């Protein structure tokens, strides 16, 4: 569905009339960032580090969006794709847990990290205001007016704007072309867009959709649509399901009982009972993705044919006014809390599942300001800009590669179900796609800017320009933070070029991101990946393995030392000094019980042995960084790290080495 908003001042219905006396004094700034999720926080921090005056506007009252709103089991895809301040976020979280990096974390820990960035940069944050209308001067935004629920308003005038919101509200009001829904496969020569009835999170055959089984006249069970299923690959206006990422606790001293929620209706869960008649799981994982967080907590996501996704009840959300959106979010909250209550209290549920559910409660120490429930609904996809370049399936699969990269993505092409319909007299979900098998790929700068002439001083790093299925790969929190940083650097450069995002020197932008990834002027870390052939010396024949690698591939030897082989990683260090060295250890079946490592330092050759059995790899990641210690290096003394197959008794991996200046 293509949407065009005119260039005149936009006003949301019901919010245009501001009571007298509630207008705040106008604010003037250089860069205005709308949306205080993780991408917005990183964008604001970056803009300040670029020595620009910044305002961050957060419609809610909590920083961090989904990163602090329950999504603690981070969707990564491949760590190689995550760099700069985004990677720094997970290292700061790691410090809290006494680890190098931590991708599995509690909401409150992530929130404290977001607050750190705001405090360190001295960013001014305006909470509780949503964009109401904009004023444009030709193709440039001049100012925006934001409003609170109480009717008070605030005008912000800026030279550059960045829309980091999950919904793209500023983008839409600025007159930028966007789309809601799914393109047809034929639109961009794709194969996984549009209507898809696949096996993932699907009902088994034989689940009856009617209130009275076998009787269509009785009507459909709650949650089943009477829509006719379109042809595979057809486009539509439907939106993949939203849910909440649920943080619960199993520590009695930190539990709040899961009680009967508002608007509870047990008939909403009839399909769960019918599914369990076909398949009774041994534990709650059978229909709830129970990922464990530190300190007895969870990040629960959708799992199976009927779970926490409220399929089909979010179609109006992207273009809705704020009152309607709050209603939709409350419906999702009631449904989800009702599901948890139903599992634990309805006598029709299998007893072992009821008992398991009662072991959990809401966490006392999380979301204290919101009844121990996340204020952030998982808006997986809303509006998507149709910008200067559209990312597609071809980009994900590496068949089309851009040269103006401002970030990378690596997750599977992922879509949750969009509708639940009747197919051949049975309940079936439609829309789920999970297609991977490709390595990290670049995201175009042109995909975060509008077409020329629509709004030339606006960047959109979250609701960026991508088809539905490509967006499903890009739309991960770490990637949004990478793009938020890139957008802020671009905004700062645009201030020097007529406030025009189309006149930004992309090569200069790329140089800044590479040379100063933490925006602190310090010497960046040095990564040597096995794919960096100019910096890797290979002795003997090694197998190239792509699955599970850091980056595009890793090298593996299975000879168990019968033939002497080695991989030498030679870093191009910019200065002499002390470096913390890490080796990337990928998950690998039948891995060697020991990995001999030699390190050429300023004082000579140091040898050590890494034992994979001692390394715990957590979360959605292909491996873990393993410390090789802190060493002194001199550029003129041929520094290197060498992995050899000496005494190897299984598969020996050689993937990547990291040197971090101390």
Foldseek 3Di string as FASTA:
>chain_A
DKDFDDQAKFFAPPQPDFDPPQEDDAAEFAEEEEAQALLQLLLQLLLLLLVGGYEYEHQADAGHFQCLQQPQQFFAQFCLQFFFVLQVLQCQLCVVVVHRGGSGAHSVSSRVSSVVSCVVSVHHYHYNWDWGIFHADFQATAWTWTAHPVRRIYIYGHLFYEYLDQQCPVVNRLGFMWAAWFAFCVVPVHQQIDKFFDDFLKFDPDQFQAPPGPDVVRDGQPFADADDRDDPRHIDRFAFFWFGFAKKALDVVFFDFLDQDPPADCSNCVSVLSSVVVPPDPEPCQFWVWDDHPPRITGIDGHHNDHLTSAPQCSCPSVDDPVVNVVSVVVSVNVRSNVLCCQQDPPSHPPSHNVRSRSIHQGNPGPVVPVSHRPHMCRQHHIAGQAPDAAEPCQQQVVDADDLFQGKFRAFLFGHFHGWYADPSHIITIDTDGGHDAFIGGDHQRQQHHYPRSHFRYGYLQSTHYGNRRSSGQNTPSNSNSSSSLVSLLNSQCVVVSSGSVPRPSVVSVCCCVQPSHSPNDGFKWKFWPVPVVFKDWDDDWDWAQPLANGRTWTKDFPLPPDKIKMKGFTQDPFWFKWWKWFWDFDDPFFFQWKWKWWQAPVGIDIDIDGVVVDDDDHDHGTDIDTPGMGTHGNVRRTIMMIISVNTDGMYIHTMMMIGHD
